[in-house]
Amino acid sequence: MRHDDIVHKVDSCGYRVFLTTSFYFNVSTCEAVLNADKSETKDFIYVWNHLMSECENYDLSRAKLVFVPIKDGAHYFVYCFNFIHKRIDVLDSNDYFLNCSNQEERHKAVFAKIPIIDAAFQKVSNLKLPRVSKWRRPFIDVPKQEGQSDCLFFVWKYMEYYDGDKMTKENNPVSHAVN
């Protein structure tokens, strides 16, 4: 975060926006943006009001990176809405290859909620942000966790050191413990 302050100076306030896990929790419980009569659902109104309160000190339309930490079961990961490259970067510390599981399947439910996040972004920015619902969603090559419950540590480090292209600092908790 200090890196952004140094590099971007005037533009650094709001260059990177960090949302809370409660934002995505509210998104995950929202089934639709509109009712049958085209009015906004109560759940969606709650989501965009929540987003508005989290971004009250920022002009979201000026953000370049919006980090959304997500809790899915007992696992945490981050979606970075990357307005620099117009994509949603998935930063996940789970080693799906090693665990013989499928990352696409794990993220399918979150991908399905992107239109709700997009609608909330549009509402809060007064339609100034680009539409994100059709953006690519690459899984970014980031350091992976070795312990079963290390994912929250990695979420924190991804949010701190991911610059929209790469990690700006090594993120290996073991390397500092070994002399």
N, C-alpha and C. Protein backbone atom coordinates (compact mmCIF):
# COMPACT_ATOMS: atom_id res chain seq x y z
N MET A 1 0.82 -1.17 0.00
CA MET A 1 0.00 0.00 0.00
C MET A 1 0.88 1.25 0.00
N ARG A 2 1.98 1.18 0.72
CA ARG A 2 2.90 2.30 0.73
C ARG A 2 3.49 2.50 -0.66
N HIS A 3 3.73 1.38 -1.36
CA HIS A 3 4.24 1.45 -2.73
C HIS A 3 3.34 2.32 -3.60
N ASP A 4 2.02 2.13 -3.52
CA ASP A 4 1.09 2.94 -4.29
C ASP A 4 1.19 4.41 -3.91
N ASP A 5 1.32 4.68 -2.62
CA ASP A 5 1.43 6.07 -2.18
C ASP A 5 2.66 6.74 -2.79
N ILE A 6 3.76 6.00 -2.89
CA ILE A 6 4.98 6.56 -3.44
C ILE A 6 4.88 6.72 -4.96
N VAL A 7 4.41 5.70 -5.65
CA VAL A 7 4.38 5.70 -7.10
C VAL A 7 3.27 6.60 -7.66
N HIS A 8 2.12 6.57 -7.05
CA HIS A 8 0.97 7.26 -7.63
C HIS A 8 0.63 8.60 -6.98
N LYS A 9 1.28 8.93 -5.88
CA LYS A 9 1.12 10.20 -5.17
C LYS A 9 -0.33 10.70 -5.14
N VAL A 10 -0.67 11.69 -5.93
CA VAL A 10 -1.99 12.31 -5.89
C VAL A 10 -3.11 11.31 -6.16
N ASP A 11 -2.88 10.41 -7.08
CA ASP A 11 -3.91 9.45 -7.45
C ASP A 11 -4.00 8.26 -6.49
N SER A 12 -3.13 8.18 -5.48
CA SER A 12 -3.09 6.99 -4.65
C SER A 12 -4.32 6.82 -3.77
N CYS A 13 -4.97 7.88 -3.36
CA CYS A 13 -6.17 7.75 -2.54
C CYS A 13 -7.30 7.20 -3.41
N GLY A 14 -7.64 5.95 -3.19
CA GLY A 14 -8.67 5.32 -3.98
C GLY A 14 -8.16 4.58 -5.20
N TYR A 15 -6.84 4.61 -5.43
CA TYR A 15 -6.26 3.84 -6.54
C TYR A 15 -6.53 2.35 -6.31
N ARG A 16 -6.32 1.93 -5.06
CA ARG A 16 -6.62 0.57 -4.63
C ARG A 16 -7.70 0.66 -3.57
N VAL A 17 -8.78 -0.05 -3.77
CA VAL A 17 -9.88 -0.05 -2.82
C VAL A 17 -10.00 -1.46 -2.26
N PHE A 18 -10.12 -1.54 -0.94
CA PHE A 18 -10.19 -2.82 -0.24
C PHE A 18 -11.56 -2.96 0.40
N LEU A 19 -12.33 -3.91 -0.08
CA LEU A 19 -13.64 -4.17 0.50
C LEU A 19 -13.50 -5.24 1.58
N THR A 20 -14.55 -5.45 2.33
CA THR A 20 -14.51 -6.44 3.42
C THR A 20 -15.17 -7.74 2.97
N THR A 21 -14.94 -8.79 3.73
CA THR A 21 -15.58 -10.07 3.43
C THR A 21 -17.09 -9.96 3.59
N SER A 22 -17.55 -9.04 4.41
CA SER A 22 -19.01 -8.91 4.58
C SER A 22 -19.68 -8.39 3.30
N PHE A 23 -18.94 -7.64 2.47
CA PHE A 23 -19.52 -7.22 1.20
C PHE A 23 -19.88 -8.44 0.36
N TYR A 24 -18.92 -9.35 0.18
CA TYR A 24 -19.23 -10.52 -0.64
C TYR A 24 -20.27 -11.41 0.05
N PHE A 25 -20.25 -11.50 1.36
CA PHE A 25 -21.27 -12.29 2.04
C PHE A 25 -22.66 -11.79 1.65
N ASN A 26 -22.83 -10.47 1.64
CA ASN A 26 -24.13 -9.90 1.25
C ASN A 26 -24.44 -10.19 -0.22
N VAL A 27 -23.43 -10.13 -1.07
CA VAL A 27 -23.62 -10.47 -2.49
C VAL A 27 -24.07 -11.93 -2.60
N SER A 28 -23.44 -12.81 -1.84
CA SER A 28 -23.73 -14.24 -1.96
C SER A 28 -25.17 -14.58 -1.56
N THR A 29 -25.77 -13.75 -0.73
CA THR A 29 -27.15 -14.00 -0.31
C THR A 29 -28.18 -13.30 -1.20
N CYS A 30 -27.71 -12.53 -2.15
CA CYS A 30 -28.59 -11.80 -3.07
C CYS A 30 -28.87 -12.68 -4.29
N GLU A 31 -30.12 -12.97 -4.53
CA GLU A 31 -30.48 -13.85 -5.65
C GLU A 31 -30.66 -13.10 -6.96
N ALA A 32 -31.06 -11.83 -6.90
CA ALA A 32 -31.31 -11.09 -8.13
C ALA A 32 -31.21 -9.59 -7.88
N VAL A 33 -30.97 -8.84 -8.94
CA VAL A 33 -30.90 -7.39 -8.86
C VAL A 33 -32.31 -6.79 -8.95
N LEU A 34 -33.11 -7.36 -9.86
CA LEU A 34 -34.45 -6.79 -10.11
C LEU A 34 -35.55 -7.79 -9.80
N ASN A 35 -36.67 -7.26 -9.32
CA ASN A 35 -37.89 -8.04 -9.17
C ASN A 35 -38.56 -8.18 -10.53
N ALA A 36 -39.62 -8.94 -10.59
CA ALA A 36 -40.37 -9.12 -11.83
C ALA A 36 -40.91 -7.80 -12.37
N ASP A 37 -41.22 -6.86 -11.47
CA ASP A 37 -41.74 -5.55 -11.90
C ASP A 37 -40.64 -4.55 -12.24
N LYS A 38 -39.41 -5.04 -12.35
CA LYS A 38 -38.23 -4.23 -12.70
C LYS A 38 -37.76 -3.29 -11.59
N SER A 39 -38.30 -3.42 -10.41
CA SER A 39 -37.79 -2.64 -9.27
C SER A 39 -36.64 -3.44 -8.64
N GLU A 40 -35.75 -2.74 -7.95
CA GLU A 40 -34.61 -3.41 -7.33
C GLU A 40 -35.08 -4.25 -6.14
N THR A 41 -34.47 -5.43 -5.99
CA THR A 41 -34.82 -6.29 -4.87
C THR A 41 -34.29 -5.70 -3.57
N LYS A 42 -34.90 -6.08 -2.46
CA LYS A 42 -34.43 -5.61 -1.15
C LYS A 42 -33.00 -6.07 -0.89
N ASP A 43 -32.70 -7.31 -1.29
CA ASP A 43 -31.33 -7.82 -1.11
C ASP A 43 -30.32 -6.99 -1.89
N PHE A 44 -30.66 -6.63 -3.13
CA PHE A 44 -29.73 -5.83 -3.92
C PHE A 44 -29.57 -4.43 -3.33
N ILE A 45 -30.63 -3.84 -2.88
CA ILE A 45 -30.54 -2.51 -2.24
C ILE A 45 -29.61 -2.58 -1.04
N TYR A 46 -29.70 -3.67 -0.29
CA TYR A 46 -28.80 -3.85 0.85
C TYR A 46 -27.34 -3.96 0.38
N VAL A 47 -27.11 -4.73 -0.71
CA VAL A 47 -25.74 -4.89 -1.24
C VAL A 47 -25.17 -3.54 -1.67
N TRP A 48 -25.90 -2.77 -2.46
CA TRP A 48 -25.31 -1.53 -2.94
C TRP A 48 -25.19 -0.48 -1.84
N ASN A 49 -26.09 -0.49 -0.86
CA ASN A 49 -25.93 0.40 0.29
C ASN A 49 -24.69 0.01 1.11
N HIS A 50 -24.47 -1.29 1.23
CA HIS A 50 -23.28 -1.76 1.94
C HIS A 50 -22.02 -1.32 1.19
N LEU A 51 -22.01 -1.48 -0.13
CA LEU A 51 -20.87 -1.05 -0.93
C LEU A 51 -20.67 0.45 -0.81
N MET A 52 -21.75 1.19 -0.84
CA MET A 52 -21.65 2.64 -0.73
C MET A 52 -21.02 3.05 0.62
N SER A 53 -21.40 2.35 1.67
CA SER A 53 -20.83 2.69 2.98
C SER A 53 -19.35 2.31 3.06
N GLU A 54 -18.96 1.23 2.39
CA GLU A 54 -17.54 0.84 2.40
C GLU A 54 -16.70 1.79 1.54
N CYS A 55 -17.30 2.43 0.57
CA CYS A 55 -16.57 3.31 -0.34
C CYS A 55 -16.86 4.78 -0.11
N GLU A 56 -17.40 5.12 1.05
CA GLU A 56 -17.82 6.51 1.27
C GLU A 56 -16.66 7.52 1.19
N ASN A 57 -15.44 7.07 1.41
CA ASN A 57 -14.29 7.98 1.36
C ASN A 57 -13.55 7.93 0.02
N TYR A 58 -14.11 7.20 -0.94
CA TYR A 58 -13.44 7.03 -2.22
C TYR A 58 -14.40 7.34 -3.36
N ASP A 59 -13.83 7.79 -4.46
CA ASP A 59 -14.59 7.88 -5.71
C ASP A 59 -14.32 6.57 -6.43
N LEU A 60 -15.23 5.63 -6.31
CA LEU A 60 -15.02 4.29 -6.87
C LEU A 60 -14.72 4.33 -8.36
N SER A 61 -15.21 5.33 -9.06
CA SER A 61 -14.97 5.42 -10.51
C SER A 61 -13.50 5.72 -10.83
N ARG A 62 -12.72 6.14 -9.85
CA ARG A 62 -11.29 6.41 -10.06
C ARG A 62 -10.41 5.22 -9.67
N ALA A 63 -11.00 4.19 -9.09
CA ALA A 63 -10.23 3.04 -8.63
C ALA A 63 -9.62 2.29 -9.81
N LYS A 64 -8.43 1.79 -9.60
CA LYS A 64 -7.76 0.97 -10.61
C LYS A 64 -7.81 -0.51 -10.22
N LEU A 65 -7.77 -0.78 -8.91
CA LEU A 65 -7.83 -2.14 -8.39
C LEU A 65 -8.82 -2.16 -7.23
N VAL A 66 -9.81 -3.02 -7.32
CA VAL A 66 -10.77 -3.18 -6.22
C VAL A 66 -10.64 -4.62 -5.74
N PHE A 67 -10.21 -4.78 -4.50
CA PHE A 67 -9.98 -6.09 -3.92
C PHE A 67 -11.20 -6.53 -3.12
N VAL A 68 -11.70 -7.71 -3.46
CA VAL A 68 -12.86 -8.27 -2.76
C VAL A 68 -12.42 -9.61 -2.15
N PRO A 69 -12.16 -9.62 -0.83
CA PRO A 69 -11.84 -10.91 -0.19
C PRO A 69 -13.12 -11.72 -0.05
N ILE A 70 -13.00 -13.01 -0.31
CA ILE A 70 -14.17 -13.88 -0.32
C ILE A 70 -13.92 -15.09 0.57
N LYS A 71 -14.91 -15.40 1.38
CA LYS A 71 -14.87 -16.61 2.21
C LYS A 71 -15.86 -17.60 1.63
N ASP A 72 -15.36 -18.76 1.25
CA ASP A 72 -16.19 -19.83 0.71
C ASP A 72 -15.96 -21.06 1.56
N GLY A 73 -16.92 -21.38 2.41
CA GLY A 73 -16.71 -22.46 3.38
C GLY A 73 -15.64 -22.03 4.36
N ALA A 74 -14.58 -22.81 4.47
CA ALA A 74 -13.47 -22.46 5.37
C ALA A 74 -12.30 -21.85 4.62
N HIS A 75 -12.47 -21.58 3.33
CA HIS A 75 -11.37 -21.10 2.50
C HIS A 75 -11.59 -19.64 2.09
N TYR A 76 -10.51 -18.86 2.13
CA TYR A 76 -10.53 -17.46 1.70
C TYR A 76 -9.68 -17.29 0.45
N PHE A 77 -10.12 -16.38 -0.43
CA PHE A 77 -9.34 -16.00 -1.61
C PHE A 77 -9.76 -14.58 -1.97
N VAL A 78 -9.11 -14.00 -2.98
CA VAL A 78 -9.37 -12.60 -3.35
C VAL A 78 -9.71 -12.51 -4.83
N TYR A 79 -10.72 -11.71 -5.13
CA TYR A 79 -10.97 -11.30 -6.51
C TYR A 79 -10.53 -9.85 -6.62
N CYS A 80 -9.65 -9.59 -7.56
CA CYS A 80 -9.18 -8.23 -7.80
C CYS A 80 -9.83 -7.74 -9.09
N PHE A 81 -10.73 -6.78 -8.96
CA PHE A 81 -11.35 -6.17 -10.13
C PHE A 81 -10.33 -5.18 -10.67
N ASN A 82 -9.68 -5.60 -11.75
CA ASN A 82 -8.51 -4.93 -12.29
C ASN A 82 -8.96 -4.01 -13.44
N PHE A 83 -9.18 -2.74 -13.11
CA PHE A 83 -9.64 -1.77 -14.10
C PHE A 83 -8.50 -1.32 -15.02
N ILE A 84 -7.27 -1.67 -14.68
CA ILE A 84 -6.12 -1.37 -15.53
C ILE A 84 -6.17 -2.26 -16.78
N HIS A 85 -6.37 -3.56 -16.55
CA HIS A 85 -6.36 -4.54 -17.64
C HIS A 85 -7.75 -5.05 -18.01
N LYS A 86 -8.78 -4.51 -17.38
CA LYS A 86 -10.16 -4.90 -17.66
C LYS A 86 -10.36 -6.41 -17.55
N ARG A 87 -10.06 -6.90 -16.34
CA ARG A 87 -10.23 -8.33 -16.05
C ARG A 87 -10.44 -8.49 -14.54
N ILE A 88 -10.92 -9.64 -14.15
CA ILE A 88 -11.08 -9.96 -12.74
C ILE A 88 -10.02 -10.99 -12.40
N ASP A 89 -9.00 -10.58 -11.66
CA ASP A 89 -7.90 -11.47 -11.31
C ASP A 89 -8.28 -12.30 -10.09
N VAL A 90 -8.20 -13.61 -10.23
CA VAL A 90 -8.51 -14.52 -9.13
C VAL A 90 -7.19 -14.87 -8.44
N LEU A 91 -7.07 -14.48 -7.18
CA LEU A 91 -5.86 -14.73 -6.39
C LEU A 91 -6.23 -15.76 -5.33
N ASP A 92 -5.83 -16.99 -5.55
CA ASP A 92 -6.24 -18.09 -4.69
C ASP A 92 -5.02 -18.89 -4.28
N SER A 93 -4.85 -19.07 -2.98
CA SER A 93 -3.66 -19.76 -2.46
C SER A 93 -3.79 -21.27 -2.47
N ASN A 94 -4.96 -21.79 -2.80
CA ASN A 94 -5.17 -23.22 -2.82
C ASN A 94 -4.45 -23.82 -4.03
N ASP A 95 -3.70 -24.87 -3.81
CA ASP A 95 -3.00 -25.57 -4.90
C ASP A 95 -3.93 -26.67 -5.40
N TYR A 96 -4.73 -26.34 -6.39
CA TYR A 96 -5.75 -27.27 -6.88
C TYR A 96 -5.12 -28.50 -7.54
N PHE A 97 -3.98 -28.34 -8.18
CA PHE A 97 -3.30 -29.47 -8.80
C PHE A 97 -2.85 -30.46 -7.73
N LEU A 98 -2.21 -29.94 -6.70
CA LEU A 98 -1.72 -30.79 -5.62
C LEU A 98 -2.87 -31.46 -4.88
N ASN A 99 -3.98 -30.74 -4.74
CA ASN A 99 -5.13 -31.28 -4.01
C ASN A 99 -6.08 -32.08 -4.91
N CYS A 100 -5.70 -32.26 -6.16
CA CYS A 100 -6.51 -33.02 -7.13
C CYS A 100 -7.96 -32.52 -7.16
N SER A 101 -8.09 -31.21 -7.26
CA SER A 101 -9.43 -30.62 -7.35
C SER A 101 -9.45 -29.62 -8.50
N ASN A 102 -10.60 -29.05 -8.76
CA ASN A 102 -10.79 -28.20 -9.92
C ASN A 102 -11.07 -26.76 -9.50
N GLN A 103 -10.18 -25.85 -9.86
CA GLN A 103 -10.36 -24.45 -9.47
C GLN A 103 -11.58 -23.82 -10.13
N GLU A 104 -11.87 -24.18 -11.37
CA GLU A 104 -13.06 -23.65 -12.05
C GLU A 104 -14.33 -24.03 -11.30
N GLU A 105 -14.40 -25.28 -10.88
CA GLU A 105 -15.58 -25.75 -10.14
C GLU A 105 -15.70 -25.02 -8.80
N ARG A 106 -14.58 -24.82 -8.13
CA ARG A 106 -14.58 -24.15 -6.82
C ARG A 106 -15.11 -22.72 -6.94
N HIS A 107 -14.81 -22.05 -8.04
CA HIS A 107 -15.17 -20.64 -8.21
C HIS A 107 -16.47 -20.42 -8.98
N LYS A 108 -17.11 -21.48 -9.42
CA LYS A 108 -18.33 -21.36 -10.23
C LYS A 108 -19.41 -20.53 -9.53
N ALA A 109 -19.65 -20.76 -8.25
CA ALA A 109 -20.69 -20.03 -7.52
C ALA A 109 -20.36 -18.54 -7.41
N VAL A 110 -19.08 -18.23 -7.23
CA VAL A 110 -18.66 -16.82 -7.15
C VAL A 110 -18.80 -16.16 -8.52
N PHE A 111 -18.37 -16.85 -9.56
CA PHE A 111 -18.52 -16.32 -10.92
C PHE A 111 -19.98 -15.97 -11.21
N ALA A 112 -20.89 -16.79 -10.70
CA ALA A 112 -22.32 -16.55 -10.94
C ALA A 112 -22.81 -15.27 -10.27
N LYS A 113 -22.10 -14.78 -9.28
CA LYS A 113 -22.50 -13.57 -8.55
C LYS A 113 -21.87 -12.29 -9.13
N ILE A 114 -20.99 -12.42 -10.11
CA ILE A 114 -20.33 -11.25 -10.70
C ILE A 114 -21.34 -10.24 -11.25
N PRO A 115 -22.44 -10.65 -11.90
CA PRO A 115 -23.41 -9.64 -12.37
C PRO A 115 -24.01 -8.80 -11.24
N ILE A 116 -24.14 -9.36 -10.06
CA ILE A 116 -24.66 -8.60 -8.92
C ILE A 116 -23.61 -7.59 -8.45
N ILE A 117 -22.35 -8.01 -8.41
CA ILE A 117 -21.27 -7.09 -8.06
C ILE A 117 -21.20 -5.98 -9.10
N ASP A 118 -21.30 -6.34 -10.36
CA ASP A 118 -21.26 -5.37 -11.45
C ASP A 118 -22.38 -4.34 -11.29
N ALA A 119 -23.59 -4.79 -11.00
CA ALA A 119 -24.72 -3.88 -10.82
C ALA A 119 -24.49 -2.95 -9.64
N ALA A 120 -23.91 -3.47 -8.56
CA ALA A 120 -23.62 -2.64 -7.39
C ALA A 120 -22.55 -1.60 -7.73
N PHE A 121 -21.50 -2.01 -8.46
CA PHE A 121 -20.47 -1.07 -8.89
C PHE A 121 -21.10 0.04 -9.74
N GLN A 122 -21.99 -0.33 -10.64
CA GLN A 122 -22.64 0.66 -11.50
C GLN A 122 -23.47 1.64 -10.68
N LYS A 123 -24.19 1.12 -9.72
CA LYS A 123 -25.07 1.96 -8.90
C LYS A 123 -24.24 2.95 -8.07
N VAL A 124 -23.20 2.45 -7.41
CA VAL A 124 -22.38 3.30 -6.53
C VAL A 124 -21.58 4.33 -7.33
N SER A 125 -21.14 3.97 -8.54
CA SER A 125 -20.32 4.89 -9.35
C SER A 125 -21.17 5.77 -10.27
N ASN A 126 -22.47 5.70 -10.17
CA ASN A 126 -23.36 6.43 -11.08
C ASN A 126 -23.06 6.12 -12.54
N LEU A 127 -22.88 4.83 -12.82
CA LEU A 127 -22.62 4.31 -14.17
C LEU A 127 -21.29 4.77 -14.77
N LYS A 128 -20.34 5.18 -13.94
CA LYS A 128 -19.04 5.65 -14.43
C LYS A 128 -18.02 4.53 -14.62
N LEU A 129 -18.23 3.40 -13.97
CA LEU A 129 -17.29 2.30 -14.11
C LEU A 129 -17.64 1.46 -15.33
N PRO A 130 -16.61 0.85 -15.95
CA PRO A 130 -16.91 -0.08 -17.04
C PRO A 130 -17.66 -1.30 -16.50
N ARG A 131 -18.44 -1.94 -17.34
CA ARG A 131 -19.17 -3.15 -16.95
C ARG A 131 -18.16 -4.28 -16.76
N VAL A 132 -18.21 -4.97 -15.63
CA VAL A 132 -17.23 -6.00 -15.33
C VAL A 132 -17.76 -7.42 -15.51
N SER A 133 -19.05 -7.57 -15.71
CA SER A 133 -19.63 -8.91 -15.72
C SER A 133 -19.13 -9.80 -16.86
N LYS A 134 -18.66 -9.23 -17.95
CA LYS A 134 -18.18 -10.02 -19.09
C LYS A 134 -16.65 -10.10 -19.16
N TRP A 135 -15.98 -9.53 -18.16
CA TRP A 135 -14.51 -9.54 -18.17
C TRP A 135 -13.98 -10.96 -18.01
N ARG A 136 -12.77 -11.16 -18.54
CA ARG A 136 -12.05 -12.43 -18.33
C ARG A 136 -11.79 -12.59 -16.83
N ARG A 137 -11.61 -13.83 -16.41
CA ARG A 137 -11.36 -14.12 -15.00
C ARG A 137 -10.16 -15.06 -14.87
N PRO A 138 -8.97 -14.56 -15.16
CA PRO A 138 -7.80 -15.44 -15.10
C PRO A 138 -7.42 -15.79 -13.67
N PHE A 139 -6.95 -17.00 -13.50
CA PHE A 139 -6.38 -17.42 -12.22
C PHE A 139 -4.92 -17.01 -12.27
N ILE A 140 -4.55 -16.07 -11.41
CA ILE A 140 -3.20 -15.52 -11.40
C ILE A 140 -2.26 -16.48 -10.67
N ASP A 141 -1.07 -16.65 -11.24
CA ASP A 141 -0.06 -17.51 -10.63
C ASP A 141 0.52 -16.78 -9.42
N VAL A 142 0.10 -17.20 -8.25
CA VAL A 142 0.54 -16.59 -6.99
C VAL A 142 1.08 -17.69 -6.08
N PRO A 143 1.86 -17.32 -5.06
CA PRO A 143 2.34 -18.33 -4.11
C PRO A 143 1.18 -19.10 -3.49
N LYS A 144 1.41 -20.38 -3.25
CA LYS A 144 0.37 -21.26 -2.71
C LYS A 144 0.64 -21.60 -1.25
N GLN A 145 -0.43 -21.87 -0.55
CA GLN A 145 -0.31 -22.23 0.86
C GLN A 145 0.10 -23.69 1.00
N GLU A 146 0.82 -23.98 2.09
CA GLU A 146 1.17 -25.37 2.38
C GLU A 146 0.34 -25.91 3.51
N GLY A 147 0.03 -25.07 4.49
CA GLY A 147 -0.81 -25.50 5.61
C GLY A 147 -2.28 -25.40 5.23
N GLN A 148 -3.11 -26.17 5.92
CA GLN A 148 -4.53 -26.19 5.61
C GLN A 148 -5.25 -24.89 5.94
N SER A 149 -4.74 -24.13 6.89
CA SER A 149 -5.46 -22.92 7.32
C SER A 149 -4.64 -21.65 7.11
N ASP A 150 -3.78 -21.63 6.11
CA ASP A 150 -2.94 -20.47 5.83
C ASP A 150 -3.58 -19.47 4.86
N CYS A 151 -4.75 -19.77 4.34
CA CYS A 151 -5.32 -18.97 3.26
C CYS A 151 -5.57 -17.52 3.65
N LEU A 152 -5.95 -17.25 4.87
CA LEU A 152 -6.22 -15.87 5.27
C LEU A 152 -4.93 -15.03 5.27
N PHE A 153 -3.82 -15.64 5.68
CA PHE A 153 -2.53 -14.97 5.60
C PHE A 153 -2.23 -14.57 4.15
N PHE A 154 -2.46 -15.49 3.23
CA PHE A 154 -2.19 -15.22 1.81
C PHE A 154 -3.12 -14.15 1.26
N VAL A 155 -4.38 -14.16 1.66
CA VAL A 155 -5.32 -13.11 1.23
C VAL A 155 -4.76 -11.74 1.61
N TRP A 156 -4.32 -11.62 2.83
CA TRP A 156 -3.77 -10.36 3.34
C TRP A 156 -2.57 -9.94 2.49
N LYS A 157 -1.66 -10.87 2.23
CA LYS A 157 -0.46 -10.56 1.45
C LYS A 157 -0.79 -10.25 -0.01
N TYR A 158 -1.73 -10.97 -0.59
CA TYR A 158 -2.13 -10.67 -1.97
C TYR A 158 -2.66 -9.24 -2.07
N MET A 159 -3.50 -8.87 -1.11
CA MET A 159 -4.08 -7.54 -1.13
C MET A 159 -3.02 -6.46 -0.91
N GLU A 160 -2.02 -6.79 -0.14
CA GLU A 160 -0.97 -5.82 0.15
C GLU A 160 0.01 -5.67 -1.01
N TYR A 161 0.36 -6.76 -1.67
CA TYR A 161 1.47 -6.72 -2.63
C TYR A 161 1.10 -6.96 -4.09
N TYR A 162 -0.14 -7.22 -4.41
CA TYR A 162 -0.51 -7.43 -5.82
C TYR A 162 -0.75 -6.06 -6.46
N ASP A 163 -0.08 -5.81 -7.58
CA ASP A 163 -0.17 -4.48 -8.23
C ASP A 163 -1.00 -4.48 -9.51
N GLY A 164 -1.71 -5.56 -9.77
CA GLY A 164 -2.50 -5.65 -10.99
C GLY A 164 -1.80 -6.42 -12.08
N ASP A 165 -0.51 -6.66 -11.91
CA ASP A 165 0.28 -7.46 -12.85
C ASP A 165 0.96 -8.64 -12.16
N LYS A 166 1.51 -8.36 -10.98
CA LYS A 166 2.31 -9.37 -10.28
C LYS A 166 2.39 -9.01 -8.80
N MET A 167 2.94 -9.94 -8.03
CA MET A 167 3.24 -9.65 -6.63
C MET A 167 4.50 -8.78 -6.62
N THR A 168 4.47 -7.69 -5.87
CA THR A 168 5.63 -6.78 -5.83
C THR A 168 6.65 -7.20 -4.78
N LYS A 169 6.31 -8.19 -3.98
CA LYS A 169 7.22 -8.69 -2.96
C LYS A 169 6.99 -10.18 -2.81
N GLU A 170 8.06 -10.92 -2.51
CA GLU A 170 7.92 -12.36 -2.31
C GLU A 170 6.96 -12.62 -1.16
N ASN A 171 6.14 -13.62 -1.34
CA ASN A 171 5.10 -13.92 -0.36
C ASN A 171 5.27 -15.36 0.12
N ASN A 172 6.40 -15.63 0.74
CA ASN A 172 6.67 -16.97 1.23
C ASN A 172 6.92 -16.91 2.72
N PRO A 173 5.94 -17.29 3.55
CA PRO A 173 6.11 -17.17 4.99
C PRO A 173 7.22 -18.05 5.55
N VAL A 174 7.56 -19.14 4.86
CA VAL A 174 8.60 -20.05 5.33
C VAL A 174 9.99 -19.47 5.11
N SER A 175 10.18 -18.70 4.05
CA SER A 175 11.53 -18.20 3.70
C SER A 175 12.11 -17.31 4.79
N HIS A 176 11.28 -16.64 5.57
CA HIS A 176 11.79 -15.76 6.62
C HIS A 176 12.11 -16.51 7.90
N ALA A 177 11.56 -17.71 8.04
CA ALA A 177 11.79 -18.50 9.24
C ALA A 177 13.05 -19.35 9.12
N VAL A 178 13.48 -19.62 7.91
CA VAL A 178 14.65 -20.47 7.68
C VAL A 178 15.86 -19.57 7.52
N ASN A 179 16.89 -19.83 8.31
CA ASN A 179 18.13 -19.03 8.21
C ASN A 179 19.22 -19.80 7.50
